PDB file of N, CA and C in Angstrom:
ATOM      1  N   UNK A   1       0.879   2.793  -2.599  1.00  0.00           N
ATOM      2  CA  UNK A   1       0.886   1.798  -1.551  1.00  0.00           C
ATOM      3  C   UNK A   1       0.201   2.413  -0.332  1.00  0.00           C
ATOM      4  N   UNK A   2      -0.679   1.658   0.219  1.00  0.00           N
ATOM      5  CA  UNK A   2      -1.370   2.108   1.425  1.00  0.00           C
ATOM      6  C   UNK A   2      -0.462   2.018   2.648  1.00  0.00           C
ATOM      7  N   UNK A   3      -0.817   2.757   3.642  1.00  0.00           N
ATOM      8  CA  UNK A   3      -0.109   2.737   4.916  1.00  0.00           C
ATOM      9  C   UNK A   3      -0.140   1.331   5.499  1.00  0.00           C
ATOM     10  N   UNK A   4       1.026   0.834   5.886  1.00  0.00           N
ATOM     11  CA  UNK A   4       1.105  -0.487   6.504  1.00  0.00           C
ATOM     12  C   UNK A   4       1.435  -0.318   7.976  1.00  0.00           C
ATOM     13  N   UNK A   5       0.671  -0.982   8.820  1.00  0.00           N
ATOM     14  CA  UNK A   5       0.843  -0.829  10.264  1.00  0.00           C
ATOM     15  C   UNK A   5       0.947  -2.169  10.985  1.00  0.00           C
ATOM     16  N   UNK A   6       2.077  -2.864  10.842  1.00  0.00           N
ATOM     17  CA  UNK A   6       2.246  -4.073  11.645  1.00  0.00           C
ATOM     18  C   UNK A   6       2.228  -3.705  13.129  1.00  0.00           C
ATOM     19  N   UNK A   7       2.034  -4.657  13.989  1.00  0.00           N
ATOM     20  CA  UNK A   7       1.774  -4.432  15.422  1.00  0.00           C
ATOM     21  C   UNK A   7       2.646  -3.374  16.101  1.00  0.00           C
ATOM     22  N   UNK A   8       3.978  -3.453  16.077  1.00  0.00           N
ATOM     23  CA  UNK A   8       4.757  -2.446  16.813  1.00  0.00           C
ATOM     24  C   UNK A   8       4.554  -1.031  16.250  1.00  0.00           C
ATOM     25  N   UNK A   9       4.428  -0.926  14.946  1.00  0.00           N
ATOM     26  CA  UNK A   9       4.244   0.369  14.310  1.00  0.00           C
ATOM     27  C   UNK A   9       2.841   0.906  14.597  1.00  0.00           C
ATOM     28  N   UNK A  10       1.873   0.019  14.643  1.00  0.00           N
ATOM     29  CA  UNK A  10       0.479   0.396  14.905  1.00  0.00           C
ATOM     30  C   UNK A  10       0.348   1.170  16.220  1.00  0.00           C
ATOM     31  N   UNK A  11       0.966   0.670  17.260  1.00  0.00           N
ATOM     32  CA  UNK A  11       0.866   1.305  18.573  1.00  0.00           C
ATOM     33  C   UNK A  11       1.479   2.708  18.568  1.00  0.00           C
ATOM     34  N   UNK A  12       2.630   2.851  17.929  1.00  0.00           N
ATOM     35  CA  UNK A  12       3.294   4.157  17.854  1.00  0.00           C
ATOM     36  C   UNK A  12       2.474   5.111  16.994  1.00  0.00           C
ATOM     37  N   UNK A  13       1.969   4.614  15.859  1.00  0.00           N
ATOM     38  CA  UNK A  13       1.173   5.448  14.962  1.00  0.00           C
ATOM     39  C   UNK A  13      -0.071   5.976  15.665  1.00  0.00           C
ATOM     40  N   UNK A  14      -0.786   5.096  16.354  1.00  0.00           N
ATOM     41  CA  UNK A  14      -1.998   5.521  17.065  1.00  0.00           C
ATOM     42  C   UNK A  14      -1.699   6.595  18.106  1.00  0.00           C
ATOM     43  N   UNK A  15      -0.646   6.380  18.878  1.00  0.00           N
ATOM     44  CA  UNK A  15      -0.301   7.339  19.934  1.00  0.00           C
ATOM     45  C   UNK A  15       0.043   8.701  19.349  1.00  0.00           C
ATOM     46  N   UNK A  16       0.825   8.720  18.295  1.00  0.00           N
ATOM     47  CA  UNK A  16       1.221   9.998  17.691  1.00  0.00           C
ATOM     48  C   UNK A  16       0.059  10.656  16.960  1.00  0.00           C
ATOM     49  N   UNK A  17      -0.778   9.856  16.333  1.00  0.00           N
ATOM     50  CA  UNK A  17      -1.948  10.404  15.651  1.00  0.00           C
ATOM     51  C   UNK A  17      -2.904  11.060  16.645  1.00  0.00           C
ATOM     52  N   UNK A  18      -3.175  10.366  17.743  1.00  0.00           N
ATOM     53  CA  UNK A  18      -4.079  10.909  18.749  1.00  0.00           C
ATOM     54  C   UNK A  18      -3.494  12.144  19.434  1.00  0.00           C
ATOM     55  N   UNK A  19      -2.178  12.204  19.512  1.00  0.00           N
ATOM     56  CA  UNK A  19      -1.529  13.373  20.096  1.00  0.00           C
ATOM     57  C   UNK A  19      -1.575  14.573  19.142  1.00  0.00           C
ATOM     58  N   UNK A  20      -1.311  14.314  17.863  1.00  0.00           N
ATOM     59  CA  UNK A  20      -1.248  15.396  16.878  1.00  0.00           C
ATOM     60  C   UNK A  20      -2.625  15.845  16.392  1.00  0.00           C
ATOM     61  N   UNK A  21      -3.535  14.893  16.210  1.00  0.00           N
ATOM     62  CA  UNK A  21      -4.868  15.213  15.671  1.00  0.00           C
ATOM     63  C   UNK A  21      -5.960  14.561  16.519  1.00  0.00           C
ATOM     64  N   UNK A  22      -6.156  14.997  17.731  1.00  0.00           N
ATOM     65  CA  UNK A  22      -7.104  14.318  18.623  1.00  0.00           C
ATOM     66  C   UNK A  22      -8.544  14.295  18.104  1.00  0.00           C
ATOM     67  N   UNK A  23      -8.957  15.312  17.372  1.00  0.00           N
ATOM     68  CA  UNK A  23     -10.340  15.359  16.883  1.00  0.00           C
ATOM     69  C   UNK A  23     -10.539  14.537  15.612  1.00  0.00           C
ATOM     70  N   UNK A  24      -9.470  14.246  14.907  1.00  0.00           N
ATOM     71  CA  UNK A  24      -9.570  13.507  13.644  1.00  0.00           C
ATOM     72  C   UNK A  24      -9.071  12.069  13.726  1.00  0.00           C
ATOM     73  N   UNK A  25      -8.432  11.710  14.806  1.00  0.00           N
ATOM     74  CA  UNK A  25      -7.792  10.401  14.924  1.00  0.00           C
ATOM     75  C   UNK A  25      -8.764   9.250  14.689  1.00  0.00           C
ATOM     76  N   UNK A  26      -9.932   9.302  15.279  1.00  0.00           N
ATOM     77  CA  UNK A  26     -10.877   8.197  15.127  1.00  0.00           C
ATOM     78  C   UNK A  26     -11.333   8.049  13.673  1.00  0.00           C
ATOM     79  N   UNK A  27     -11.461   9.160  12.964  1.00  0.00           N
ATOM     80  CA  UNK A  27     -11.869   9.105  11.558  1.00  0.00           C
ATOM     81  C   UNK A  27     -10.757   8.502  10.690  1.00  0.00           C
ATOM     82  N   UNK A  28      -9.511   8.893  10.938  1.00  0.00           N
ATOM     83  CA  UNK A  28      -8.377   8.343  10.200  1.00  0.00           C
ATOM     84  C   UNK A  28      -8.272   6.837  10.446  1.00  0.00           C
ATOM     85  N   UNK A  29      -8.379   6.422  11.684  1.00  0.00           N
ATOM     86  CA  UNK A  29      -8.293   4.994  12.014  1.00  0.00           C
ATOM     87  C   UNK A  29      -9.445   4.215  11.381  1.00  0.00           C
ATOM     88  N   UNK A  30     -10.625   4.804  11.322  1.00  0.00           N
ATOM     89  CA  UNK A  30     -11.774   4.142  10.683  1.00  0.00           C
ATOM     90  C   UNK A  30     -11.516   3.936   9.190  1.00  0.00           C
ATOM     91  N   UNK A  31     -10.912   4.914   8.534  1.00  0.00           N
ATOM     92  CA  UNK A  31     -10.599   4.785   7.103  1.00  0.00           C
ATOM     93  C   UNK A  31      -9.568   3.680   6.869  1.00  0.00           C
ATOM     94  N   UNK A  32      -8.584   3.605   7.733  1.00  0.00           N
ATOM     95  CA  UNK A  32      -7.583   2.541   7.600  1.00  0.00           C
ATOM     96  C   UNK A  32      -8.260   1.181   7.739  1.00  0.00           C
ATOM     97  N   UNK A  33      -9.110   1.043   8.750  1.00  0.00           N
ATOM     98  CA  UNK A  33      -9.826  -0.227   8.945  1.00  0.00           C
ATOM     99  C   UNK A  33     -10.734  -0.552   7.757  1.00  0.00           C
ATOM    100  N   UNK A  34     -11.294   0.472   7.144  1.00  0.00           N
ATOM    101  CA  UNK A  34     -12.186   0.274   6.002  1.00  0.00           C
ATOM    102  C   UNK A  34     -11.455  -0.391   4.834  1.00  0.00           C
ATOM    103  N   UNK A  35     -10.178  -0.094   4.677  1.00  0.00           N
ATOM    104  CA  UNK A  35      -9.406  -0.703   3.592  1.00  0.00           C
ATOM    105  C   UNK A  35      -8.794  -2.040   3.989  1.00  0.00           C
ATOM    106  N   UNK A  36      -8.944  -2.426   5.236  1.00  0.00           N
ATOM    107  CA  UNK A  36      -8.334  -3.652   5.754  1.00  0.00           C
ATOM    108  C   UNK A  36      -9.352  -4.648   6.299  1.00  0.00           C
ATOM    109  N   UNK A  37     -10.573  -4.544   5.886  1.00  0.00           N
ATOM    110  CA  UNK A  37     -11.583  -5.493   6.359  1.00  0.00           C
ATOM    111  C   UNK A  37     -11.846  -5.391   7.844  1.00  0.00           C
ATOM    112  N   UNK A  38     -11.767  -4.186   8.389  1.00  0.00           N
ATOM    113  CA  UNK A  38     -12.056  -3.967   9.800  1.00  0.00           C
ATOM    114  C   UNK A  38     -10.857  -4.064  10.717  1.00  0.00           C
ATOM    115  N   UNK A  39      -9.696  -4.419  10.166  1.00  0.00           N
ATOM    116  CA  UNK A  39      -8.487  -4.529  10.984  1.00  0.00           C
ATOM    117  C   UNK A  39      -7.535  -3.390  10.649  1.00  0.00           C
ATOM    118  N   UNK A  40      -6.578  -3.170  11.501  1.00  0.00           N
ATOM    119  CA  UNK A  40      -5.580  -2.141  11.251  1.00  0.00           C
ATOM    120  C   UNK A  40      -4.491  -2.613  10.287  1.00  0.00           C
ATOM    121  N   UNK A  41      -4.322  -3.939  10.156  1.00  0.00           N
ATOM    122  CA  UNK A  41      -3.270  -4.470   9.295  1.00  0.00           C
ATOM    123  C   UNK A  41      -3.712  -5.803   8.734  1.00  0.00           C
ATOM    124  N   UNK A  42      -3.426  -6.014   7.475  1.00  0.00           N
ATOM    125  CA  UNK A  42      -3.727  -7.285   6.820  1.00  0.00           C
ATOM    126  C   UNK A  42      -2.430  -7.786   6.218  1.00  0.00           C
ATOM    127  N   UNK A  43      -1.909  -8.873   6.724  1.00  0.00           N
ATOM    128  CA  UNK A  43      -0.597  -9.373   6.313  1.00  0.00           C
ATOM    129  C   UNK A  43      -0.618 -10.167   5.015  1.00  0.00           C
ATOM    130  N   UNK A  44      -1.783 -10.376   4.425  1.00  0.00           N
ATOM    131  CA  UNK A  44      -1.842 -11.168   3.200  1.00  0.00           C
ATOM    132  C   UNK A  44      -1.071 -10.489   2.069  1.00  0.00           C
ATOM    133  N   UNK A  45      -0.242 -11.283   1.395  1.00  0.00           N
ATOM    134  CA  UNK A  45       0.547 -10.771   0.283  1.00  0.00           C
ATOM    135  C   UNK A  45      -0.384 -10.277  -0.823  1.00  0.00           C
ATOM    136  N   UNK A  46      -0.070  -9.128  -1.366  1.00  0.00           N
ATOM    137  CA  UNK A  46      -0.878  -8.570  -2.438  1.00  0.00           C
ATOM    138  C   UNK A  46      -2.005  -7.686  -1.946  1.00  0.00           C
ATOM    139  N   UNK A  47      -2.425  -7.886  -0.706  1.00  0.00           N
ATOM    140  CA  UNK A  47      -3.495  -7.071  -0.129  1.00  0.00           C
ATOM    141  C   UNK A  47      -2.902  -6.028   0.799  1.00  0.00           C
ATOM    142  N   UNK A  48      -1.839  -6.390   1.478  1.00  0.00           N
ATOM    143  CA  UNK A  48      -1.280  -5.470   2.481  1.00  0.00           C
ATOM    144  C   UNK A  48      -0.798  -4.157   1.878  1.00  0.00           C
ATOM    145  N   UNK A  49      -0.425  -4.151   0.622  1.00  0.00           N
ATOM    146  CA  UNK A  49       0.064  -2.934  -0.002  1.00  0.00           C
ATOM    147  C   UNK A  49      -0.989  -2.112  -0.703  1.00  0.00           C
ATOM    148  N   UNK A  50      -2.124  -2.728  -1.022  1.00  0.00           N
ATOM    149  CA  UNK A  50      -3.136  -1.977  -1.763  1.00  0.00           C
ATOM    150  C   UNK A  50      -4.496  -1.933  -1.093  1.00  0.00           C
ATOM    151  N   UNK A  51      -4.777  -2.816  -0.175  1.00  0.00           N
ATOM    152  CA  UNK A  51      -6.060  -2.806   0.516  1.00  0.00           C
ATOM    153  C   UNK A  51      -7.183  -3.361  -0.332  1.00  0.00           C
ATOM    154  N   UNK A  52      -8.381  -3.311   0.222  1.00  0.00           N
ATOM    155  CA  UNK A  52      -9.573  -3.823  -0.462  1.00  0.00           C
ATOM    156  C   UNK A  52     -10.740  -2.891  -0.185  1.00  0.00           C
ATOM    157  N   UNK A  53     -11.756  -3.006  -0.994  1.00  0.00           N
ATOM    158  CA  UNK A  53     -12.973  -2.252  -0.755  1.00  0.00           C
ATOM    159  C   UNK A  53     -13.060  -0.955  -1.540  1.00  0.00           C
ATOM    160  N   UNK A  54     -14.186  -0.274  -1.412  1.00  0.00           N
ATOM    161  CA  UNK A  54     -14.430   0.928  -2.208  1.00  0.00           C
ATOM    162  C   UNK A  54     -13.451   2.070  -1.938  1.00  0.00           C
ATOM    163  N   UNK A  55     -13.051   2.252  -0.699  1.00  0.00           N
ATOM    164  CA  UNK A  55     -12.137   3.357  -0.403  1.00  0.00           C
ATOM    165  C   UNK A  55     -10.757   3.083  -0.997  1.00  0.00           C
ATOM    166  N   UNK A  56     -10.274   1.858  -0.919  1.00  0.00           N
ATOM    167  CA  UNK A  56      -8.989   1.496  -1.523  1.00  0.00           C
ATOM    168  C   UNK A  56      -9.059   1.655  -3.042  1.00  0.00           C
ATOM    169  N   UNK A  57     -10.179   1.301  -3.642  1.00  0.00           N
ATOM    170  CA  UNK A  57     -10.344   1.473  -5.085  1.00  0.00           C
ATOM    171  C   UNK A  57     -10.357   2.954  -5.458  1.00  0.00           C
ATOM    172  N   UNK A  58     -10.970   3.778  -4.622  1.00  0.00           N
ATOM    173  CA  UNK A  58     -11.002   5.221  -4.875  1.00  0.00           C
ATOM    174  C   UNK A  58      -9.591   5.811  -4.804  1.00  0.00           C
ATOM    175  N   UNK A  59      -8.787   5.354  -3.858  1.00  0.00           N
ATOM    176  CA  UNK A  59      -7.408   5.823  -3.740  1.00  0.00           C
ATOM    177  C   UNK A  59      -6.623   5.436  -4.992  1.00  0.00           C
ATOM    178  N   UNK A  60      -6.795   4.201  -5.446  1.00  0.00           N
ATOM    179  CA  UNK A  60      -6.100   3.730  -6.641  1.00  0.00           C
ATOM    180  C   UNK A  60      -6.514   4.534  -7.871  1.00  0.00           C
ATOM    181  N   UNK A  61      -7.807   4.798  -8.014  1.00  0.00           N
ATOM    182  CA  UNK A  61      -8.298   5.580  -9.154  1.00  0.00           C
ATOM    183  C   UNK A  61      -7.756   7.010  -9.109  1.00  0.00           C
ATOM    184  N   UNK A  62      -7.713   7.595  -7.926  1.00  0.00           N
ATOM    185  CA  UNK A  62      -7.184   8.950  -7.777  1.00  0.00           C
ATOM    186  C   UNK A  62      -5.703   8.992  -8.143  1.00  0.00           C
ATOM    187  N   UNK A  63      -4.958   7.992  -7.709  1.00  0.00           N
ATOM    188  CA  UNK A  63      -3.532   7.923  -8.045  1.00  0.00           C
ATOM    189  C   UNK A  63      -3.348   7.802  -9.549  1.00  0.00           C
ATOM    190  N   UNK A  64      -4.091   6.899 -10.179  1.00  0.00           N
ATOM    191  CA  UNK A  64      -3.971   6.699 -11.620  1.00  0.00           C
ATOM    192  C   UNK A  64      -4.321   7.974 -12.388  1.00  0.00           C
ATOM    193  N   UNK A  65      -5.371   8.650 -11.966  1.00  0.00           N
ATOM    194  CA  UNK A  65      -5.799   9.880 -12.637  1.00  0.00           C
ATOM    195  C   UNK A  65      -4.748  10.982 -12.478  1.00  0.00           C
ATOM    196  N   UNK A  66      -4.214  11.125 -11.280  1.00  0.00           N
ATOM    197  CA  UNK A  66      -3.198  12.144 -11.034  1.00  0.00           C
ATOM    198  C   UNK A  66      -1.938  11.858 -11.843  1.00  0.00           C
ATOM    199  N   UNK A  67      -1.510  10.607 -11.876  1.00  0.00           N
ATOM    200  CA  UNK A  67      -0.330  10.233 -12.663  1.00  0.00           C
ATOM    201  C   UNK A  67      -0.565  10.522 -14.139  1.00  0.00           C
ATOM    202  N   UNK A  68      -1.742  10.240 -14.621  1.00  0.00           N
ATOM    203  CA  UNK A  68      -2.086  10.508 -16.016  1.00  0.00           C
ATOM    204  C   UNK A  68      -2.088  12.012 -16.296  1.00  0.00           C
ATOM    205  N   UNK A  69      -2.689  12.797 -15.403  1.00  0.00           N
ATOM    206  CA  UNK A  69      -2.744  14.246 -15.570  1.00  0.00           C
ATOM    207  C   UNK A  69      -1.348  14.874 -15.574  1.00  0.00           C
ATOM    208  N   UNK A  70      -0.426  14.277 -14.844  1.00  0.00           N
ATOM    209  CA  UNK A  70       0.940  14.791 -14.769  1.00  0.00           C
ATOM    210  C   UNK A  70       1.826  14.261 -15.889  1.00  0.00           C
ATOM    211  N   UNK A  71       1.258  13.420 -16.743  1.00  0.00           N
ATOM    212  CA  UNK A  71       2.013  12.878 -17.863  1.00  0.00           C
ATOM    213  C   UNK A  71       2.961  11.766 -17.479  1.00  0.00           C
ATOM    214  N   UNK A  72       2.739  11.181 -16.343  1.00  0.00           N
ATOM    215  CA  UNK A  72       3.577  10.062 -15.923  1.00  0.00           C
ATOM    216  C   UNK A  72       3.068   8.786 -16.562  1.00  0.00           C
ATOM    217  N   UNK A  73       3.950   7.835 -16.716  1.00  0.00           N
ATOM    218  CA  UNK A  73       3.536   6.556 -17.273  1.00  0.00           C
ATOM    219  C   UNK A  73       2.532   5.897 -16.358  1.00  0.00           C
ATOM    220  N   UNK A  74       1.544   5.277 -16.943  1.00  0.00           N
ATOM    221  CA  UNK A  74       0.580   4.529 -16.140  1.00  0.00           C
ATOM    222  C   UNK A  74       1.328   3.420 -15.424  1.00  0.00           C
ATOM    223  N   UNK A  75       0.985   3.234 -14.183  1.00  0.00           N
ATOM    224  CA  UNK A  75       1.694   2.193 -13.446  1.00  0.00           C
ATOM    225  C   UNK A  75       1.267   0.831 -13.978  1.00  0.00           C
ATOM    226  N   UNK A  76       2.242  -0.016 -14.106  1.00  0.00           N
ATOM    227  CA  UNK A  76       1.982  -1.355 -14.595  1.00  0.00           C
ATOM    228  C   UNK A  76       1.975  -2.299 -13.410  1.00  0.00           C
ATOM    229  N   UNK A  77       0.946  -3.062 -13.315  1.00  0.00           N
ATOM    230  CA  UNK A  77       0.863  -4.034 -12.224  1.00  0.00           C
ATOM    231  C   UNK A  77       1.494  -5.338 -12.690  1.00  0.00           C
ATOM    232  N   UNK A  78       2.433  -5.817 -11.900  1.00  0.00           N
ATOM    233  CA  UNK A  78       3.108  -7.050 -12.260  1.00  0.00           C
ATOM    234  C   UNK A  78       2.151  -8.210 -12.106  1.00  0.00           C
ATOM    235  N   UNK A  79       1.984  -8.942 -13.164  1.00  0.00           N
ATOM    236  CA  UNK A  79       1.072 -10.085 -13.164  1.00  0.00           C
ATOM    237  C   UNK A  79       1.842 -11.393 -13.323  1.00  0.00           C
ATOM    238  N   UNK A  80       3.128 -11.350 -13.110  1.00  0.00           N
ATOM    239  CA  UNK A  80       3.925 -12.568 -13.234  1.00  0.00           C
ATOM    240  C   UNK A  80       4.321 -12.837 -14.666  1.00  0.00           C
ATOM    241  N   UNK A  81       4.219 -11.850 -15.534  1.00  0.00           N
ATOM    242  CA  UNK A  81       4.550 -12.011 -16.944  1.00  0.00           C
ATOM    243  C   UNK A  81       6.041 -11.879 -17.187  1.00  0.00           C
ATOM    244  N   UNK A  82       6.393 -11.604 -18.430  1.00  0.00           N
ATOM    245  CA  UNK A  82       7.812 -11.500 -18.796  1.00  0.00           C
ATOM    246  C   UNK A  82       8.518 -10.392 -18.014  1.00  0.00           C
ATOM    247  N   UNK A  83       9.775 -10.610 -17.772  1.00  0.00           N
ATOM    248  CA  UNK A  83      10.579  -9.646 -17.044  1.00  0.00           C
ATOM    249  C   UNK A  83      11.979  -9.622 -17.652  1.00  0.00           C
ATOM    250  N   UNK A  84      12.675  -8.496 -17.612  1.00  0.00           N
ATOM    251  CA  UNK A  84      14.024  -8.463 -18.176  1.00  0.00           C
ATOM    252  C   UNK A  84      15.047  -9.200 -17.310  1.00  0.00           C
ATOM    253  N   UNK A  85      14.665  -9.578 -16.106  1.00  0.00           N
ATOM    254  CA  UNK A  85      15.593 -10.287 -15.232  1.00  0.00           C
ATOM    255  C   UNK A  85      15.815 -11.706 -15.745  1.00  0.00           C
ATOM    256  N   UNK A  86      17.062 -12.106 -15.819  1.00  0.00           N
ATOM    257  CA  UNK A  86      17.406 -13.478 -16.197  1.00  0.00           C
ATOM    258  C   UNK A  86      18.284 -14.059 -15.104  1.00  0.00           C
ATOM    259  N   UNK A  87      17.884 -15.177 -14.570  1.00  0.00           N
ATOM    260  CA  UNK A  87      18.656 -15.833 -13.517  1.00  0.00           C
ATOM    261  C   UNK A  87      19.937 -16.413 -14.118  1.00  0.00           C
ATOM    262  N   UNK A  88      21.089 -16.085 -13.526  1.00  0.00           N
ATOM    263  CA  UNK A  88      22.337 -16.644 -14.057  1.00  0.00           C
ATOM    264  C   UNK A  88      22.357 -18.162 -13.894  1.00  0.00           C
ATOM    265  N   UNK A  89      22.943 -18.824 -14.878  1.00  0.00           N
ATOM    266  CA  UNK A  89      22.987 -20.295 -14.834  1.00  0.00           C
ATOM    267  C   UNK A  89      24.046 -20.801 -13.854  1.00  0.00           C
ATOM    268  N   UNK A  90      25.053 -20.009 -13.636  1.00  0.00           N
ATOM    269  CA  UNK A  90      26.121 -20.431 -12.717  1.00  0.00           C
ATOM    270  C   UNK A  90      26.753 -19.207 -12.098  1.00  0.00           C
ATOM    271  N   UNK A  91      27.479 -19.396 -11.036  1.00  0.00           N
ATOM    272  CA  UNK A  91      28.146 -18.290 -10.351  1.00  0.00           C
ATOM    273  C   UNK A  91      29.094 -17.534 -11.288  1.00  0.00           C
ATOM    274  N   UNK A  92      29.764 -18.252 -12.187  1.00  0.00           N
ATOM    275  CA  UNK A  92      30.727 -17.611 -13.064  1.00  0.00           C
ATOM    276  C   UNK A  92      30.044 -16.620 -14.016  1.00  0.00           C
ATOM    277  N   UNK A  93      28.777 -16.820 -14.298  1.00  0.00           N
ATOM    278  CA  UNK A  93      28.074 -15.902 -15.206  1.00  0.00           C
ATOM    279  C   UNK A  93      27.928 -14.517 -14.598  1.00  0.00           C
ATOM    280  N   UNK A  94      28.131 -14.411 -13.291  1.00  0.00           N
ATOM    281  CA  UNK A  94      28.036 -13.124 -12.642  1.00  0.00           C
ATOM    282  C   UNK A  94      29.254 -12.238 -12.892  1.00  0.00           C
ATOM    283  N   UNK A  95      30.384 -12.835 -13.332  1.00  0.00           N
ATOM    284  CA  UNK A  95      31.629 -12.081 -13.520  1.00  0.00           C
ATOM    285  C   UNK A  95      31.894 -11.768 -14.947  1.00  0.00           C
TER     286      UNK A  95
END
């Protein structure tokens, strides 16, 4: 999941980033914008967690490769298919 920076968090993140890494802050912020279509945050569902564009795709590929190299299960992206969750038909089914 990519870094998410809604408005209140964005201001704090920028201030701390510029304080901790003054020479690199502009480059880090540019990379974040690159995955968000030029903005610091994209609230669209499905995009806000993974981003868009070549840099976001590179991050995803790196994650998948690292998980594979470590022998972890490949992450499965939920596509709205079958799930083990079953909605109870009535409140009594919960007991």
